[in-house]
């Protein structure tokens, strides 16, 4: 069983991973062809996303130290809802009912796996 604080930290990790995906998408717009090392090093969105992923990875390792993987990992499925919702809100990307239907199935799987 996961404590409330561990569940909260796990959800925070999933949220940060999802935000990282949005930052990666923003970073991708900053790459010009042909790619060069400068386009990677000087891309603020990329640096921010990598920093967020680094911190989130440390949090995830702490979670896995305290919780069995079979309990913690299903929460990562929430990213399949978080990322499209944030892409719609932040990037103006389309959001379809199929995304929500799939997300509900994922939530049902998370609930089942957590029992």
C-alpha atoms as a PDB file:
ATOM      1  CA  UNK A   1       0.000   0.000   0.000  1.00  0.00           C
ATOM      2  CA  UNK A   2       1.261   3.469  -0.868  1.00  0.00           C
ATOM      3  CA  UNK A   3       1.011   6.315   1.637  1.00  0.00           C
ATOM      4  CA  UNK A   4      -0.780   9.509   0.619  1.00  0.00           C
ATOM      5  CA  UNK A   5       2.506  11.395   0.446  1.00  0.00           C
ATOM      6  CA  UNK A   6       4.059   8.726  -1.793  1.00  0.00           C
ATOM      7  CA  UNK A   7       1.009   8.788  -4.061  1.00  0.00           C
ATOM      8  CA  UNK A   8       1.304  12.587  -4.219  1.00  0.00           C
ATOM      9  CA  UNK A   9       5.019  12.389  -5.092  1.00  0.00           C
ATOM     10  CA  UNK A  10       4.309   9.725  -7.704  1.00  0.00           C
ATOM     11  CA  UNK A  11       1.634  11.911  -9.296  1.00  0.00           C
ATOM     12  CA  UNK A  12       4.058  14.859  -9.199  1.00  0.00           C
ATOM     13  CA  UNK A  13       6.637  12.757 -11.059  1.00  0.00           C
ATOM     14  CA  UNK A  14       4.085  11.848 -13.718  1.00  0.00           C
ATOM     15  CA  UNK A  15       3.056  15.489 -14.031  1.00  0.00           C
ATOM     16  CA  UNK A  16       6.698  16.606 -14.377  1.00  0.00           C
ATOM     17  CA  UNK A  17       7.387  13.923 -16.993  1.00  0.00           C
ATOM     18  CA  UNK A  18       4.327  15.180 -18.877  1.00  0.00           C
ATOM     19  CA  UNK A  19       5.479  18.788 -18.641  1.00  0.00           C
ATOM     20  CA  UNK A  20       8.859  17.598 -19.922  1.00  0.00           C
ATOM     21  CA  UNK A  21       7.151  16.245 -23.026  1.00  0.00           C
ATOM     22  CA  UNK A  22       5.599  19.654 -23.679  1.00  0.00           C
ATOM     23  CA  UNK A  23       9.008  21.278 -23.198  1.00  0.00           C
ATOM     24  CA  UNK A  24      10.558  18.781 -25.625  1.00  0.00           C
ATOM     25  CA  UNK A  25       7.903  19.733 -28.182  1.00  0.00           C
ATOM     26  CA  UNK A  26       8.724  23.412 -27.669  1.00  0.00           C
ATOM     27  CA  UNK A  27      12.439  22.581 -28.000  1.00  0.00           C
ATOM     28  CA  UNK A  28      11.847  20.798 -31.296  1.00  0.00           C
ATOM     29  CA  UNK A  29      10.671  24.055 -32.863  1.00  0.00           C
ATOM     30  CA  UNK A  30      14.069  25.584 -32.144  1.00  0.00           C
ATOM     31  CA  UNK A  31      16.020  23.150 -34.299  1.00  0.00           C
ATOM     32  CA  UNK A  32      16.990  24.305 -37.752  1.00  0.00           C
ATOM     33  CA  UNK A  33      18.294  22.056 -40.495  1.00  0.00           C
ATOM     34  CA  UNK A  34      21.026  21.040 -40.570  1.00  0.00           C
ATOM     35  CA  UNK A  35      21.331  20.211 -36.891  1.00  0.00           C
ATOM     36  CA  UNK A  36      24.434  21.427 -35.132  1.00  0.00           C
ATOM     37  CA  UNK A  37      25.796  21.144 -31.628  1.00  0.00           C
ATOM     38  CA  UNK A  38      24.962  24.829 -31.131  1.00  0.00           C
ATOM     39  CA  UNK A  39      21.265  24.210 -31.805  1.00  0.00           C
ATOM     40  CA  UNK A  40      21.281  21.714 -28.912  1.00  0.00           C
ATOM     41  CA  UNK A  41      23.420  23.703 -26.482  1.00  0.00           C
ATOM     42  CA  UNK A  42      21.648  27.028 -27.029  1.00  0.00           C
ATOM     43  CA  UNK A  43      18.082  25.671 -26.947  1.00  0.00           C
ATOM     44  CA  UNK A  44      16.587  26.910 -23.672  1.00  0.00           C
ATOM     45  CA  UNK A  45      13.510  24.697 -23.978  1.00  0.00           C
ATOM     46  CA  UNK A  46      15.723  21.640 -24.359  1.00  0.00           C
ATOM     47  CA  UNK A  47      17.871  22.608 -21.371  1.00  0.00           C
ATOM     48  CA  UNK A  48      14.752  23.167 -19.250  1.00  0.00           C
ATOM     49  CA  UNK A  49      13.252  19.827 -20.274  1.00  0.00           C
ATOM     50  CA  UNK A  50      16.474  17.935 -19.562  1.00  0.00           C
ATOM     51  CA  UNK A  51      16.806  19.620 -16.159  1.00  0.00           C
ATOM     52  CA  UNK A  52      13.203  18.749 -15.304  1.00  0.00           C
ATOM     53  CA  UNK A  53      13.720  15.153 -16.439  1.00  0.00           C
ATOM     54  CA  UNK A  54      16.891  14.935 -14.317  1.00  0.00           C
ATOM     55  CA  UNK A  55      15.157  16.111 -11.146  1.00  0.00           C
ATOM     56  CA  UNK A  56      12.116  13.957 -11.867  1.00  0.00           C
ATOM     57  CA  UNK A  57      14.318  10.905 -12.384  1.00  0.00           C
ATOM     58  CA  UNK A  58      15.825  11.409  -8.928  1.00  0.00           C
ATOM     59  CA  UNK A  59      12.317  11.618  -7.487  1.00  0.00           C
ATOM     60  CA  UNK A  60      11.277   8.489  -9.359  1.00  0.00           C
ATOM     61  CA  UNK A  61      14.298   6.587  -8.009  1.00  0.00           C
ATOM     62  CA  UNK A  62      13.305   7.622  -4.476  1.00  0.00           C
ATOM     63  CA  UNK A  63       9.755   6.398  -5.112  1.00  0.00           C
ATOM     64  CA  UNK A  64      11.008   3.060  -6.434  1.00  0.00           C
ATOM     65  CA  UNK A  65      13.201   2.699  -3.365  1.00  0.00           C
ATOM     66  CA  UNK A  66      10.062   2.853  -1.217  1.00  0.00           C
ATOM     67  CA  UNK A  67       7.353   1.308  -3.400  1.00  0.00           C
ATOM     68  CA  UNK A  68       7.243  -1.877  -5.480  1.00  0.00           C
ATOM     69  CA  UNK A  69       7.450  -1.164  -9.196  1.00  0.00           C
ATOM     70  CA  UNK A  70       4.178  -2.983  -9.840  1.00  0.00           C
ATOM     71  CA  UNK A  71       2.390  -0.383  -7.676  1.00  0.00           C
ATOM     72  CA  UNK A  72       4.246   2.732  -8.827  1.00  0.00           C
ATOM     73  CA  UNK A  73       4.558   2.170 -12.560  1.00  0.00           C
ATOM     74  CA  UNK A  74       0.850   2.071 -13.460  1.00  0.00           C
ATOM     75  CA  UNK A  75       0.692   5.740 -12.463  1.00  0.00           C
ATOM     76  CA  UNK A  76       2.878   6.514 -15.488  1.00  0.00           C
ATOM     77  CA  UNK A  77      -0.156   5.650 -17.597  1.00  0.00           C
ATOM     78  CA  UNK A  78      -1.661   8.943 -16.469  1.00  0.00           C
ATOM     79  CA  UNK A  79       0.819  10.669 -18.767  1.00  0.00           C
ATOM     80  CA  UNK A  80      -1.362   9.422 -21.638  1.00  0.00           C
ATOM     81  CA  UNK A  81      -4.018  11.838 -20.329  1.00  0.00           C
ATOM     82  CA  UNK A  82      -1.800  14.616 -19.009  1.00  0.00           C
ATOM     83  CA  UNK A  83       0.296  15.104 -22.157  1.00  0.00           C
ATOM     84  CA  UNK A  84      -2.576  15.464 -24.665  1.00  0.00           C
ATOM     85  CA  UNK A  85      -4.480  17.741 -22.269  1.00  0.00           C
ATOM     86  CA  UNK A  86      -1.433  19.978 -21.780  1.00  0.00           C
ATOM     87  CA  UNK A  87      -0.679  19.912 -25.512  1.00  0.00           C
ATOM     88  CA  UNK A  88      -4.202  21.183 -26.106  1.00  0.00           C
ATOM     89  CA  UNK A  89      -3.954  23.861 -23.393  1.00  0.00           C
ATOM     90  CA  UNK A  90      -0.395  25.054 -24.031  1.00  0.00           C
ATOM     91  CA  UNK A  91       0.280  24.265 -27.680  1.00  0.00           C
ATOM     92  CA  UNK A  92      -3.216  24.472 -29.148  1.00  0.00           C
ATOM     93  CA  UNK A  93      -3.048  20.910 -30.468  1.00  0.00           C
ATOM     94  CA  UNK A  94      -6.328  19.100 -31.178  1.00  0.00           C
ATOM     95  CA  UNK A  95      -7.889  16.956 -28.480  1.00  0.00           C
ATOM     96  CA  UNK A  96     -10.215  14.125 -29.473  1.00  0.00           C
ATOM     97  CA  UNK A  97     -12.788  12.084 -27.562  1.00  0.00           C
ATOM     98  CA  UNK A  98     -10.750   8.952 -28.361  1.00  0.00           C
ATOM     99  CA  UNK A  99      -7.969  10.340 -26.200  1.00  0.00           C
ATOM    100  CA  UNK A 100     -10.332  10.541 -23.247  1.00  0.00           C
ATOM    101  CA  UNK A 101     -11.785   7.105 -23.958  1.00  0.00           C
ATOM    102  CA  UNK A 102      -8.308   5.607 -24.033  1.00  0.00           C
ATOM    103  CA  UNK A 103      -7.419   7.537 -20.905  1.00  0.00           C
ATOM    104  CA  UNK A 104     -10.418   6.134 -19.065  1.00  0.00           C
ATOM    105  CA  UNK A 105      -9.340   2.630 -20.018  1.00  0.00           C
ATOM    106  CA  UNK A 106      -5.852   3.411 -18.702  1.00  0.00           C
ATOM    107  CA  UNK A 107      -7.350   4.743 -15.452  1.00  0.00           C
ATOM    108  CA  UNK A 108      -9.386   1.553 -15.124  1.00  0.00           C
ATOM    109  CA  UNK A 109      -6.182  -0.437 -15.597  1.00  0.00           C
ATOM    110  CA  UNK A 110      -4.399   1.640 -12.948  1.00  0.00           C
ATOM    111  CA  UNK A 111      -7.253   1.075 -10.517  1.00  0.00           C
ATOM    112  CA  UNK A 112      -7.221  -2.656 -11.246  1.00  0.00           C
ATOM    113  CA  UNK A 113      -3.450  -2.919 -10.871  1.00  0.00           C
ATOM    114  CA  UNK A 114      -3.540  -0.987  -7.596  1.00  0.00           C
ATOM    115  CA  UNK A 115      -5.962  -3.393  -5.927  1.00  0.00           C
END
